[in-house]
Amino acid sequence: MATIRLGDKAPDFTADSSMGTINLYDYLGDSWGILFLHPADFTPVCTTELGTASEFKDEFDKRNVKMLALSVDGAASHAEWIKDINEVQNTIVNFPIIADEDKKVSHLYDMIHPNADNNLTVRSVFIIAPDKSVKLTLTYSASTGRNFYELLRVIDSLQLTAYHKVATPANWEHGKDVVVIPAISTADAKEMFTKGVTEVKPYLRMTPDPTS
């Protein structure tokens, strides 16, 4: 079991799920992916998260991001948990929840942290690019629910910066100005970014979002 770092290939796996057998790479295909890790079924914070994730599915679909969750319980338990999620969140869980009773996937993704709890997976999020590289990881405490608006914001940034020679500043949101990467000279930037370039400092050049 090795720590997964940014840029590493997301470990492939085949496992049972609430929607049948899933192979990660086949499931993602040429799409981006987001994998939500949960310590167990019938946990209160995770119940709210999976319901919220279902409500955000259209937003993830717009960004070509396929959703997956994982819990260390089995598929039969997942099916009962999904009934609760649908009821209390007034939604329909519309993406697979991986079953991981033997913790095979949990160990692949370094999700068992003895300093936190030797038996439960940590509550992490992995964002995976179409080339199957890991672009972002976030780990939450058991008491803190995930912010799905932030996850969408991060995906917007990752997708923008993957295809354009820019970075995104603090608190950036889609449509706001972005940073020209340092590797590009100001002269070249002014030719490349036709909407204009503002030089705040020689190393800090801003340009309008090229996708808006």
N, C-alpha and C. Protein backbone atom coordinates (compact mmCIF):
# COMPACT_ATOMS: atom_id res chain seq x y z
N MET A 1 0.85 -1.20 0.00
CA MET A 1 0.00 0.00 0.00
C MET A 1 0.88 1.24 0.00
N ALA A 2 0.73 2.09 -1.00
CA ALA A 2 1.54 3.29 -1.11
C ALA A 2 0.64 4.52 -1.12
N THR A 3 1.19 5.61 -0.64
CA THR A 3 0.44 6.86 -0.67
C THR A 3 0.24 7.31 -2.10
N ILE A 4 -0.96 7.73 -2.45
CA ILE A 4 -1.25 8.22 -3.80
C ILE A 4 -0.97 9.72 -3.83
N ARG A 5 -0.08 10.13 -4.71
CA ARG A 5 0.28 11.53 -4.85
C ARG A 5 -0.32 12.10 -6.13
N LEU A 6 -0.42 13.42 -6.17
CA LEU A 6 -0.96 14.06 -7.36
C LEU A 6 -0.10 13.70 -8.57
N GLY A 7 -0.75 13.35 -9.66
CA GLY A 7 -0.06 12.93 -10.87
C GLY A 7 0.08 11.43 -10.99
N ASP A 8 -0.05 10.69 -9.88
CA ASP A 8 -0.02 9.23 -9.95
C ASP A 8 -1.24 8.70 -10.69
N LYS A 9 -1.10 7.53 -11.27
CA LYS A 9 -2.24 6.85 -11.86
C LYS A 9 -3.18 6.37 -10.76
N ALA A 10 -4.46 6.62 -10.92
CA ALA A 10 -5.44 6.10 -9.97
C ALA A 10 -5.44 4.57 -10.09
N PRO A 11 -5.29 3.85 -9.00
CA PRO A 11 -5.27 2.38 -9.07
C PRO A 11 -6.59 1.85 -9.66
N ASP A 12 -6.47 0.98 -10.63
CA ASP A 12 -7.65 0.36 -11.23
C ASP A 12 -8.15 -0.74 -10.29
N PHE A 13 -9.43 -1.03 -10.36
CA PHE A 13 -10.00 -2.11 -9.56
C PHE A 13 -11.30 -2.58 -10.20
N THR A 14 -11.68 -3.80 -9.88
CA THR A 14 -12.99 -4.35 -10.23
C THR A 14 -13.65 -4.79 -8.94
N ALA A 15 -14.87 -4.34 -8.72
CA ALA A 15 -15.54 -4.63 -7.46
C ALA A 15 -17.05 -4.65 -7.65
N ASP A 16 -17.74 -5.28 -6.72
CA ASP A 16 -19.19 -5.25 -6.70
C ASP A 16 -19.65 -3.85 -6.27
N SER A 17 -20.86 -3.49 -6.64
CA SER A 17 -21.39 -2.18 -6.27
C SER A 17 -22.91 -2.25 -6.19
N SER A 18 -23.51 -1.14 -5.83
CA SER A 18 -24.97 -1.07 -5.79
C SER A 18 -25.58 -1.17 -7.17
N MET A 19 -24.78 -1.06 -8.21
CA MET A 19 -25.26 -1.17 -9.59
C MET A 19 -24.57 -2.30 -10.33
N GLY A 20 -24.10 -3.32 -9.58
CA GLY A 20 -23.44 -4.46 -10.22
C GLY A 20 -21.93 -4.29 -10.23
N THR A 21 -21.26 -5.21 -10.94
CA THR A 21 -19.81 -5.20 -10.99
C THR A 21 -19.30 -3.99 -11.76
N ILE A 22 -18.32 -3.31 -11.19
CA ILE A 22 -17.75 -2.10 -11.78
C ILE A 22 -16.25 -2.26 -11.93
N ASN A 23 -15.72 -1.98 -13.11
CA ASN A 23 -14.29 -1.78 -13.29
C ASN A 23 -14.04 -0.29 -13.44
N LEU A 24 -13.17 0.25 -12.62
CA LEU A 24 -12.99 1.70 -12.57
C LEU A 24 -12.66 2.29 -13.93
N TYR A 25 -11.65 1.75 -14.60
CA TYR A 25 -11.21 2.34 -15.87
C TYR A 25 -12.30 2.23 -16.94
N ASP A 26 -12.98 1.08 -16.98
CA ASP A 26 -14.06 0.91 -17.96
C ASP A 26 -15.20 1.87 -17.65
N TYR A 27 -15.51 2.03 -16.38
CA TYR A 27 -16.61 2.91 -15.97
C TYR A 27 -16.31 4.36 -16.35
N LEU A 28 -15.08 4.79 -16.12
CA LEU A 28 -14.74 6.18 -16.42
C LEU A 28 -14.59 6.42 -17.93
N GLY A 29 -14.06 5.44 -18.65
CA GLY A 29 -13.85 5.64 -20.08
C GLY A 29 -12.97 6.85 -20.33
N ASP A 30 -13.44 7.77 -21.18
CA ASP A 30 -12.70 8.99 -21.49
C ASP A 30 -13.15 10.17 -20.64
N SER A 31 -13.94 9.91 -19.62
CA SER A 31 -14.47 10.98 -18.77
C SER A 31 -13.52 11.29 -17.62
N TRP A 32 -13.76 12.41 -16.97
CA TRP A 32 -13.19 12.68 -15.67
C TRP A 32 -13.96 11.84 -14.65
N GLY A 33 -13.39 11.70 -13.47
CA GLY A 33 -14.07 10.94 -12.42
C GLY A 33 -13.89 11.58 -11.06
N ILE A 34 -14.87 11.36 -10.20
CA ILE A 34 -14.75 11.78 -8.80
C ILE A 34 -15.17 10.61 -7.93
N LEU A 35 -14.29 10.24 -6.99
CA LEU A 35 -14.51 9.09 -6.12
C LEU A 35 -14.64 9.59 -4.68
N PHE A 36 -15.79 9.34 -4.09
CA PHE A 36 -16.06 9.73 -2.70
C PHE A 36 -15.89 8.50 -1.80
N LEU A 37 -15.08 8.62 -0.78
CA LEU A 37 -14.84 7.50 0.12
C LEU A 37 -15.60 7.71 1.42
N HIS A 38 -16.24 6.63 1.90
CA HIS A 38 -17.06 6.70 3.11
C HIS A 38 -16.67 5.57 4.04
N PRO A 39 -16.68 5.81 5.36
CA PRO A 39 -16.22 4.79 6.30
C PRO A 39 -17.17 3.62 6.50
N ALA A 40 -18.47 3.86 6.32
CA ALA A 40 -19.45 2.79 6.56
C ALA A 40 -20.82 3.25 6.10
N ASP A 41 -21.73 2.30 5.90
CA ASP A 41 -23.11 2.64 5.59
C ASP A 41 -23.82 3.16 6.85
N PHE A 42 -24.91 3.84 6.62
CA PHE A 42 -25.77 4.34 7.71
C PHE A 42 -25.01 5.27 8.66
N THR A 43 -24.13 6.07 8.11
CA THR A 43 -23.46 7.11 8.89
C THR A 43 -24.12 8.44 8.57
N PRO A 44 -24.36 9.29 9.56
CA PRO A 44 -25.22 10.46 9.35
C PRO A 44 -24.68 11.49 8.37
N VAL A 45 -23.41 11.88 8.54
CA VAL A 45 -22.86 12.89 7.63
C VAL A 45 -22.82 12.37 6.21
N CYS A 46 -22.41 11.12 6.04
CA CYS A 46 -22.31 10.54 4.70
C CYS A 46 -23.68 10.39 4.05
N THR A 47 -24.71 10.16 4.85
CA THR A 47 -26.07 10.09 4.30
C THR A 47 -26.44 11.42 3.66
N THR A 48 -26.11 12.52 4.32
CA THR A 48 -26.41 13.84 3.73
C THR A 48 -25.54 14.09 2.50
N GLU A 49 -24.32 13.59 2.53
CA GLU A 49 -23.41 13.84 1.40
C GLU A 49 -23.86 13.10 0.15
N LEU A 50 -24.22 11.83 0.29
CA LEU A 50 -24.61 11.07 -0.90
C LEU A 50 -25.92 11.57 -1.48
N GLY A 51 -26.82 12.04 -0.61
CA GLY A 51 -28.03 12.67 -1.12
C GLY A 51 -27.71 13.94 -1.88
N THR A 52 -26.81 14.74 -1.34
CA THR A 52 -26.41 15.98 -2.00
C THR A 52 -25.68 15.68 -3.31
N ALA A 53 -24.83 14.67 -3.30
CA ALA A 53 -24.13 14.28 -4.53
C ALA A 53 -25.13 13.95 -5.64
N SER A 54 -26.21 13.25 -5.28
CA SER A 54 -27.23 12.92 -6.28
C SER A 54 -27.86 14.18 -6.87
N GLU A 55 -28.09 15.16 -6.01
CA GLU A 55 -28.69 16.41 -6.48
C GLU A 55 -27.74 17.19 -7.38
N PHE A 56 -26.45 16.96 -7.25
CA PHE A 56 -25.45 17.66 -8.05
C PHE A 56 -25.06 16.89 -9.31
N LYS A 57 -25.67 15.74 -9.55
CA LYS A 57 -25.23 14.90 -10.67
C LYS A 57 -25.30 15.64 -12.00
N ASP A 58 -26.33 16.42 -12.22
CA ASP A 58 -26.43 17.16 -13.48
C ASP A 58 -25.24 18.09 -13.67
N GLU A 59 -24.79 18.72 -12.58
CA GLU A 59 -23.64 19.62 -12.67
C GLU A 59 -22.36 18.84 -12.99
N PHE A 60 -22.19 17.67 -12.39
CA PHE A 60 -21.04 16.85 -12.72
C PHE A 60 -21.13 16.36 -14.17
N ASP A 61 -22.33 15.98 -14.61
CA ASP A 61 -22.51 15.53 -16.00
C ASP A 61 -22.12 16.63 -16.98
N LYS A 62 -22.49 17.87 -16.69
CA LYS A 62 -22.13 18.99 -17.58
C LYS A 62 -20.62 19.09 -17.76
N ARG A 63 -19.90 18.69 -16.75
CA ARG A 63 -18.44 18.79 -16.76
C ARG A 63 -17.79 17.48 -17.20
N ASN A 64 -18.59 16.52 -17.66
CA ASN A 64 -18.08 15.22 -18.10
C ASN A 64 -17.36 14.50 -16.97
N VAL A 65 -17.94 14.55 -15.78
CA VAL A 65 -17.37 13.91 -14.60
C VAL A 65 -18.30 12.79 -14.15
N LYS A 66 -17.79 11.57 -14.08
CA LYS A 66 -18.57 10.44 -13.60
C LYS A 66 -18.33 10.25 -12.11
N MET A 67 -19.39 9.96 -11.38
CA MET A 67 -19.35 9.88 -9.93
C MET A 67 -19.32 8.43 -9.45
N LEU A 68 -18.56 8.20 -8.38
CA LEU A 68 -18.48 6.90 -7.71
C LEU A 68 -18.33 7.15 -6.22
N ALA A 69 -19.00 6.36 -5.42
CA ALA A 69 -18.76 6.38 -3.98
C ALA A 69 -18.28 5.00 -3.56
N LEU A 70 -17.72 4.92 -2.37
CA LEU A 70 -17.27 3.65 -1.83
C LEU A 70 -17.53 3.62 -0.34
N SER A 71 -18.00 2.47 0.15
CA SER A 71 -18.10 2.22 1.58
C SER A 71 -17.65 0.78 1.83
N VAL A 72 -17.12 0.52 3.01
CA VAL A 72 -16.55 -0.80 3.28
C VAL A 72 -17.61 -1.87 3.53
N ASP A 73 -18.88 -1.51 3.51
CA ASP A 73 -19.94 -2.51 3.64
C ASP A 73 -20.28 -3.13 2.28
N GLY A 74 -21.17 -4.13 2.31
CA GLY A 74 -21.48 -4.88 1.10
C GLY A 74 -22.61 -4.27 0.29
N ALA A 75 -22.82 -4.82 -0.90
CA ALA A 75 -23.81 -4.27 -1.82
C ALA A 75 -25.23 -4.37 -1.25
N ALA A 76 -25.54 -5.44 -0.52
CA ALA A 76 -26.88 -5.58 0.07
C ALA A 76 -27.12 -4.48 1.10
N SER A 77 -26.10 -4.19 1.89
CA SER A 77 -26.21 -3.11 2.87
C SER A 77 -26.35 -1.76 2.16
N HIS A 78 -25.59 -1.58 1.08
CA HIS A 78 -25.70 -0.34 0.30
C HIS A 78 -27.14 -0.13 -0.18
N ALA A 79 -27.78 -1.21 -0.63
CA ALA A 79 -29.15 -1.09 -1.15
C ALA A 79 -30.10 -0.58 -0.07
N GLU A 80 -29.93 -1.07 1.15
CA GLU A 80 -30.78 -0.60 2.25
C GLU A 80 -30.44 0.84 2.64
N TRP A 81 -29.16 1.17 2.62
CA TRP A 81 -28.74 2.53 2.94
C TRP A 81 -29.29 3.52 1.92
N ILE A 82 -29.26 3.13 0.65
CA ILE A 82 -29.76 4.01 -0.41
C ILE A 82 -31.23 4.34 -0.19
N LYS A 83 -31.99 3.38 0.32
CA LYS A 83 -33.41 3.66 0.63
C LYS A 83 -33.51 4.79 1.64
N ASP A 84 -32.67 4.74 2.67
CA ASP A 84 -32.66 5.81 3.68
C ASP A 84 -32.25 7.14 3.07
N ILE A 85 -31.20 7.12 2.27
CA ILE A 85 -30.71 8.36 1.65
C ILE A 85 -31.80 8.99 0.80
N ASN A 86 -32.44 8.17 -0.03
CA ASN A 86 -33.50 8.68 -0.89
C ASN A 86 -34.64 9.28 -0.07
N GLU A 87 -34.95 8.63 1.05
CA GLU A 87 -36.06 9.10 1.88
C GLU A 87 -35.73 10.41 2.58
N VAL A 88 -34.62 10.44 3.30
CA VAL A 88 -34.35 11.61 4.14
C VAL A 88 -33.84 12.80 3.33
N GLN A 89 -33.25 12.54 2.16
CA GLN A 89 -32.75 13.63 1.33
C GLN A 89 -33.70 13.96 0.18
N ASN A 90 -34.80 13.21 0.09
CA ASN A 90 -35.79 13.45 -0.97
C ASN A 90 -35.14 13.46 -2.34
N THR A 91 -34.40 12.41 -2.63
CA THR A 91 -33.66 12.33 -3.87
C THR A 91 -33.63 10.89 -4.35
N ILE A 92 -32.90 10.62 -5.41
CA ILE A 92 -32.65 9.25 -5.88
C ILE A 92 -31.15 9.12 -6.12
N VAL A 93 -30.50 8.23 -5.39
CA VAL A 93 -29.08 8.00 -5.61
C VAL A 93 -28.89 7.44 -7.02
N ASN A 94 -28.15 8.14 -7.83
CA ASN A 94 -28.10 7.85 -9.26
C ASN A 94 -26.68 7.58 -9.76
N PHE A 95 -25.86 7.02 -8.88
CA PHE A 95 -24.50 6.64 -9.24
C PHE A 95 -24.12 5.45 -8.34
N PRO A 96 -23.12 4.66 -8.74
CA PRO A 96 -22.81 3.43 -7.98
C PRO A 96 -22.06 3.70 -6.69
N ILE A 97 -22.35 2.88 -5.68
CA ILE A 97 -21.58 2.85 -4.44
C ILE A 97 -20.84 1.52 -4.40
N ILE A 98 -19.51 1.60 -4.41
CA ILE A 98 -18.68 0.41 -4.44
C ILE A 98 -18.76 -0.32 -3.11
N ALA A 99 -18.87 -1.65 -3.16
CA ALA A 99 -18.81 -2.49 -1.97
C ALA A 99 -17.36 -2.91 -1.74
N ASP A 100 -16.91 -2.80 -0.49
CA ASP A 100 -15.49 -3.07 -0.21
C ASP A 100 -15.34 -3.78 1.12
N GLU A 101 -16.08 -4.87 1.29
CA GLU A 101 -16.06 -5.58 2.57
C GLU A 101 -14.67 -6.12 2.92
N ASP A 102 -13.90 -6.51 1.90
CA ASP A 102 -12.54 -7.02 2.18
C ASP A 102 -11.51 -5.90 2.23
N LYS A 103 -11.97 -4.65 2.04
CA LYS A 103 -11.13 -3.45 2.11
C LYS A 103 -9.99 -3.45 1.07
N LYS A 104 -10.19 -4.21 0.00
CA LYS A 104 -9.17 -4.26 -1.05
C LYS A 104 -8.97 -2.89 -1.68
N VAL A 105 -10.07 -2.24 -2.03
CA VAL A 105 -9.95 -0.92 -2.67
C VAL A 105 -9.48 0.11 -1.65
N SER A 106 -9.95 -0.02 -0.41
CA SER A 106 -9.53 0.90 0.64
C SER A 106 -8.01 0.90 0.80
N HIS A 107 -7.41 -0.27 0.73
CA HIS A 107 -5.96 -0.35 0.85
C HIS A 107 -5.27 0.16 -0.41
N LEU A 108 -5.85 -0.09 -1.58
CA LEU A 108 -5.28 0.44 -2.82
C LEU A 108 -5.17 1.96 -2.77
N TYR A 109 -6.18 2.58 -2.19
CA TYR A 109 -6.22 4.04 -2.15
C TYR A 109 -5.73 4.60 -0.82
N ASP A 110 -5.03 3.77 -0.04
CA ASP A 110 -4.42 4.22 1.22
C ASP A 110 -5.45 4.90 2.11
N MET A 111 -6.61 4.26 2.27
CA MET A 111 -7.73 4.86 2.98
C MET A 111 -7.84 4.38 4.43
N ILE A 112 -7.00 3.43 4.84
CA ILE A 112 -7.02 2.98 6.22
C ILE A 112 -5.87 3.69 6.95
N HIS A 113 -6.20 4.61 7.82
CA HIS A 113 -5.20 5.38 8.54
C HIS A 113 -5.27 5.02 10.03
N PRO A 114 -4.35 4.21 10.52
CA PRO A 114 -4.42 3.77 11.92
C PRO A 114 -4.47 4.92 12.93
N ASN A 115 -3.86 6.04 12.61
CA ASN A 115 -3.88 7.15 13.56
C ASN A 115 -5.27 7.75 13.71
N ALA A 116 -6.12 7.53 12.70
CA ALA A 116 -7.51 8.01 12.79
C ALA A 116 -8.41 6.91 13.33
N ASP A 117 -8.39 5.77 12.66
CA ASP A 117 -9.18 4.61 13.10
C ASP A 117 -8.72 3.43 12.27
N ASN A 118 -8.26 2.39 12.91
CA ASN A 118 -7.68 1.26 12.20
C ASN A 118 -8.71 0.47 11.40
N ASN A 119 -9.98 0.66 11.68
CA ASN A 119 -11.01 -0.13 11.03
C ASN A 119 -11.81 0.64 9.99
N LEU A 120 -11.78 1.95 10.05
CA LEU A 120 -12.62 2.75 9.16
C LEU A 120 -11.80 3.49 8.13
N THR A 121 -12.35 3.62 6.93
CA THR A 121 -11.69 4.39 5.89
C THR A 121 -11.81 5.88 6.19
N VAL A 122 -10.77 6.62 5.84
CA VAL A 122 -10.87 8.07 5.96
C VAL A 122 -11.78 8.60 4.86
N ARG A 123 -12.33 9.80 5.09
CA ARG A 123 -13.32 10.35 4.16
C ARG A 123 -12.60 11.25 3.16
N SER A 124 -12.08 10.62 2.12
CA SER A 124 -11.33 11.34 1.10
C SER A 124 -12.13 11.47 -0.19
N VAL A 125 -11.68 12.41 -1.02
CA VAL A 125 -12.20 12.58 -2.37
C VAL A 125 -11.02 12.53 -3.33
N PHE A 126 -11.17 11.79 -4.41
CA PHE A 126 -10.16 11.76 -5.47
C PHE A 126 -10.82 12.28 -6.75
N ILE A 127 -10.16 13.22 -7.42
CA ILE A 127 -10.59 13.66 -8.74
C ILE A 127 -9.59 13.11 -9.75
N ILE A 128 -10.12 12.41 -10.75
CA ILE A 128 -9.31 11.65 -11.70
C ILE A 128 -9.53 12.20 -13.10
N ALA A 129 -8.44 12.47 -13.81
CA ALA A 129 -8.50 13.00 -15.17
C ALA A 129 -8.76 11.88 -16.18
N PRO A 130 -9.09 12.23 -17.43
CA PRO A 130 -9.34 11.18 -18.43
C PRO A 130 -8.15 10.25 -18.66
N ASP A 131 -6.92 10.72 -18.41
CA ASP A 131 -5.75 9.84 -18.56
C ASP A 131 -5.52 8.98 -17.32
N LYS A 132 -6.47 9.02 -16.39
CA LYS A 132 -6.48 8.24 -15.15
C LYS A 132 -5.48 8.74 -14.11
N SER A 133 -4.91 9.91 -14.32
CA SER A 133 -4.04 10.48 -13.30
C SER A 133 -4.87 11.18 -12.23
N VAL A 134 -4.38 11.16 -11.00
CA VAL A 134 -5.06 11.81 -9.88
C VAL A 134 -4.70 13.29 -9.89
N LYS A 135 -5.71 14.12 -9.99
CA LYS A 135 -5.50 15.57 -10.08
C LYS A 135 -5.73 16.29 -8.76
N LEU A 136 -6.49 15.68 -7.86
CA LEU A 136 -6.75 16.33 -6.58
C LEU A 136 -7.17 15.29 -5.56
N THR A 137 -6.72 15.48 -4.33
CA THR A 137 -7.22 14.69 -3.21
C THR A 137 -7.61 15.64 -2.08
N LEU A 138 -8.70 15.31 -1.42
CA LEU A 138 -9.15 16.06 -0.25
C LEU A 138 -9.54 15.04 0.82
N THR A 139 -9.14 15.28 2.04
CA THR A 139 -9.51 14.39 3.14
C THR A 139 -10.20 15.20 4.23
N TYR A 140 -11.36 14.70 4.63
CA TYR A 140 -12.20 15.38 5.61
C TYR A 140 -12.24 14.61 6.92
N SER A 141 -12.43 15.32 8.02
CA SER A 141 -12.68 14.65 9.29
C SER A 141 -14.08 14.06 9.26
N ALA A 142 -14.33 13.12 10.16
CA ALA A 142 -15.63 12.44 10.20
C ALA A 142 -16.77 13.41 10.51
N SER A 143 -16.45 14.52 11.15
CA SER A 143 -17.50 15.44 11.61
C SER A 143 -17.81 16.57 10.64
N THR A 144 -17.08 16.64 9.54
CA THR A 144 -17.23 17.77 8.62
C THR A 144 -17.72 17.29 7.26
N GLY A 145 -18.91 17.74 6.87
CA GLY A 145 -19.46 17.37 5.57
C GLY A 145 -18.76 18.10 4.43
N ARG A 146 -18.74 17.47 3.27
CA ARG A 146 -18.08 18.04 2.10
C ARG A 146 -18.89 19.18 1.50
N ASN A 147 -18.20 20.13 0.91
CA ASN A 147 -18.83 21.26 0.23
C ASN A 147 -18.83 20.98 -1.27
N PHE A 148 -19.99 20.68 -1.82
CA PHE A 148 -20.05 20.28 -3.22
C PHE A 148 -19.87 21.46 -4.17
N TYR A 149 -20.16 22.66 -3.71
CA TYR A 149 -19.87 23.82 -4.54
C TYR A 149 -18.36 23.98 -4.71
N GLU A 150 -17.62 23.69 -3.66
CA GLU A 150 -16.16 23.75 -3.76
C GLU A 150 -15.63 22.67 -4.70
N LEU A 151 -16.22 21.47 -4.66
CA LEU A 151 -15.78 20.41 -5.56
C LEU A 151 -16.01 20.80 -7.02
N LEU A 152 -17.15 21.41 -7.31
CA LEU A 152 -17.40 21.89 -8.67
C LEU A 152 -16.41 22.97 -9.05
N ARG A 153 -16.12 23.89 -8.12
CA ARG A 153 -15.17 24.98 -8.40
C ARG A 153 -13.79 24.40 -8.73
N VAL A 154 -13.36 23.41 -7.95
CA VAL A 154 -12.07 22.79 -8.18
C VAL A 154 -12.04 22.09 -9.54
N ILE A 155 -13.11 21.38 -9.89
CA ILE A 155 -13.16 20.71 -11.19
C ILE A 155 -13.10 21.73 -12.32
N ASP A 156 -13.83 22.84 -12.18
CA ASP A 156 -13.76 23.90 -13.20
C ASP A 156 -12.33 24.38 -13.37
N SER A 157 -11.62 24.57 -12.26
CA SER A 157 -10.24 25.02 -12.33
C SER A 157 -9.34 23.97 -12.97
N LEU A 158 -9.48 22.73 -12.54
CA LEU A 158 -8.64 21.65 -13.09
C LEU A 158 -8.85 21.50 -14.59
N GLN A 159 -10.10 21.57 -15.03
CA GLN A 159 -10.37 21.41 -16.45
C GLN A 159 -9.88 22.61 -17.25
N LEU A 160 -10.06 23.80 -16.71
CA LEU A 160 -9.57 25.01 -17.40
C LEU A 160 -8.06 24.97 -17.55
N THR A 161 -7.36 24.68 -16.45
CA THR A 161 -5.90 24.74 -16.47
C THR A 161 -5.29 23.55 -17.20
N ALA A 162 -6.06 22.48 -17.39
CA ALA A 162 -5.56 21.34 -18.16
C ALA A 162 -5.45 21.66 -19.65
N TYR A 163 -6.29 22.58 -20.12
CA TYR A 163 -6.37 22.83 -21.55
C TYR A 163 -5.93 24.24 -21.95
N HIS A 164 -5.61 25.09 -20.99
CA HIS A 164 -5.15 26.45 -21.26
C HIS A 164 -3.95 26.75 -20.38
N LYS A 165 -3.07 27.62 -20.84
CA LYS A 165 -1.83 27.93 -20.12
C LYS A 165 -2.08 28.99 -19.05
N VAL A 166 -2.95 28.63 -18.12
CA VAL A 166 -3.32 29.55 -17.05
C VAL A 166 -3.40 28.79 -15.73
N ALA A 167 -3.44 29.56 -14.65
CA ALA A 167 -3.71 29.04 -13.31
C ALA A 167 -4.85 29.88 -12.74
N THR A 168 -5.44 29.41 -11.65
CA THR A 168 -6.56 30.15 -11.08
C THR A 168 -6.17 30.71 -9.71
N PRO A 169 -6.49 31.98 -9.44
CA PRO A 169 -6.11 32.61 -8.17
C PRO A 169 -7.03 32.18 -7.03
N ALA A 170 -6.73 32.69 -5.84
CA ALA A 170 -7.54 32.38 -4.66
C ALA A 170 -8.98 32.78 -4.89
N ASN A 171 -9.88 31.91 -4.44
CA ASN A 171 -11.33 32.14 -4.50
C ASN A 171 -11.86 32.28 -5.92
N TRP A 172 -11.09 31.82 -6.89
CA TRP A 172 -11.53 31.91 -8.29
C TRP A 172 -12.82 31.12 -8.49
N GLU A 173 -13.67 31.67 -9.35
CA GLU A 173 -14.86 30.96 -9.83
C GLU A 173 -14.94 31.11 -11.33
N HIS A 174 -15.63 30.19 -11.97
CA HIS A 174 -15.74 30.19 -13.43
C HIS A 174 -16.19 31.56 -13.93
N GLY A 175 -15.48 32.09 -14.92
CA GLY A 175 -15.80 33.38 -15.50
C GLY A 175 -14.96 34.52 -14.98
N LYS A 176 -14.27 34.31 -13.85
CA LYS A 176 -13.42 35.37 -13.31
C LYS A 176 -12.04 35.32 -13.94
N ASP A 177 -11.27 36.42 -13.77
CA ASP A 177 -9.94 36.49 -14.36
C ASP A 177 -9.03 35.39 -13.83
N VAL A 178 -8.08 34.98 -14.66
CA VAL A 178 -7.14 33.92 -14.32
C VAL A 178 -5.71 34.44 -14.43
N VAL A 179 -4.78 33.62 -13.96
CA VAL A 179 -3.36 33.98 -13.94
C VAL A 179 -2.65 33.34 -15.13
N VAL A 180 -1.83 34.14 -15.82
CA VAL A 180 -0.98 33.60 -16.88
C VAL A 180 0.17 32.84 -16.21
N ILE A 181 0.44 31.62 -16.67
CA ILE A 181 1.49 30.83 -16.03
C ILE A 181 2.86 31.49 -16.22
N PRO A 182 3.77 31.34 -15.26
CA PRO A 182 5.07 32.02 -15.33
C PRO A 182 5.92 31.65 -16.54
N ALA A 183 5.72 30.46 -17.09
CA ALA A 183 6.56 30.01 -18.21
C ALA A 183 6.34 30.83 -19.48
N ILE A 184 5.25 31.59 -19.54
CA ILE A 184 4.94 32.39 -20.73
C ILE A 184 5.36 33.84 -20.48
N SER A 185 6.12 34.42 -21.40
CA SER A 185 6.51 35.82 -21.27
C SER A 185 5.28 36.72 -21.44
N THR A 186 5.38 37.92 -20.92
CA THR A 186 4.26 38.86 -21.06
C THR A 186 3.98 39.15 -22.53
N ALA A 187 5.05 39.30 -23.32
CA ALA A 187 4.86 39.57 -24.76
C ALA A 187 4.12 38.42 -25.43
N ASP A 188 4.52 37.20 -25.13
CA ASP A 188 3.84 36.05 -25.73
C ASP A 188 2.41 35.94 -25.21
N ALA A 189 2.22 36.26 -23.93
CA ALA A 189 0.88 36.18 -23.35
C ALA A 189 -0.07 37.13 -24.05
N LYS A 190 0.41 38.33 -24.37
CA LYS A 190 -0.45 39.31 -25.03
C LYS A 190 -0.86 38.86 -26.43
N GLU A 191 -0.02 38.06 -27.08
CA GLU A 191 -0.40 37.48 -28.37
C GLU A 191 -1.34 36.30 -28.20
N MET A 192 -1.12 35.53 -27.14
CA MET A 192 -1.89 34.31 -26.92
C MET A 192 -3.29 34.60 -26.39
N PHE A 193 -3.39 35.56 -25.48
CA PHE A 193 -4.66 35.86 -24.83
C PHE A 193 -5.21 37.16 -25.38
N THR A 194 -6.07 37.01 -26.37
CA THR A 194 -6.53 38.17 -27.15
C THR A 194 -7.52 39.05 -26.39
N LYS A 195 -8.01 38.57 -25.25
CA LYS A 195 -8.92 39.39 -24.45
C LYS A 195 -8.16 40.42 -23.61
N GLY A 196 -6.84 40.31 -23.62
CA GLY A 196 -6.03 41.27 -22.89
C GLY A 196 -5.28 40.65 -21.73
N VAL A 197 -4.15 41.27 -21.39
CA VAL A 197 -3.32 40.83 -20.27
C VAL A 197 -2.98 42.05 -19.42
N THR A 198 -3.21 41.96 -18.11
CA THR A 198 -2.87 43.02 -17.17
C THR A 198 -1.68 42.57 -16.34
N GLU A 199 -0.59 43.34 -16.39
CA GLU A 199 0.60 43.00 -15.61
C GLU A 199 0.53 43.69 -14.26
N VAL A 200 0.19 42.93 -13.23
CA VAL A 200 0.15 43.45 -11.86
C VAL A 200 1.57 43.56 -11.31
N LYS A 201 2.34 42.51 -11.51
CA LYS A 201 3.77 42.44 -11.27
C LYS A 201 4.36 41.64 -12.42
N PRO A 202 5.67 41.75 -12.65
CA PRO A 202 6.24 40.96 -13.76
C PRO A 202 5.91 39.47 -13.69
N TYR A 203 5.76 38.97 -12.47
CA TYR A 203 5.45 37.55 -12.30
C TYR A 203 3.96 37.27 -12.11
N LEU A 204 3.14 38.31 -12.04
CA LEU A 204 1.70 38.16 -11.81
C LEU A 204 0.95 38.89 -12.90
N ARG A 205 0.52 38.11 -13.92
CA ARG A 205 -0.22 38.67 -15.05
C ARG A 205 -1.62 38.06 -15.08
N MET A 206 -2.62 38.90 -15.23
CA MET A 206 -4.00 38.45 -15.22
C MET A 206 -4.61 38.58 -16.61
N THR A 207 -5.53 37.65 -16.92
CA THR A 207 -6.24 37.70 -18.19
C THR A 207 -7.66 37.17 -17.97
N PRO A 208 -8.62 37.63 -18.77
CA PRO A 208 -9.98 37.09 -18.61
C PRO A 208 -10.02 35.58 -18.86
N ASP A 209 -10.94 34.93 -18.19
CA ASP A 209 -11.16 33.48 -18.39
C ASP A 209 -11.32 33.20 -19.87
N PRO A 210 -10.42 32.42 -20.48
CA PRO A 210 -10.49 32.18 -21.93
C PRO A 210 -11.71 31.37 -22.37
N THR A 211 -12.44 30.77 -21.42
CA THR A 211 -13.59 29.95 -21.79
C THR A 211 -14.93 30.69 -21.61
N SER A 212 -14.88 31.92 -21.13
CA SER A 212 -16.14 32.62 -20.87
C SER A 212 -16.34 33.76 -21.86
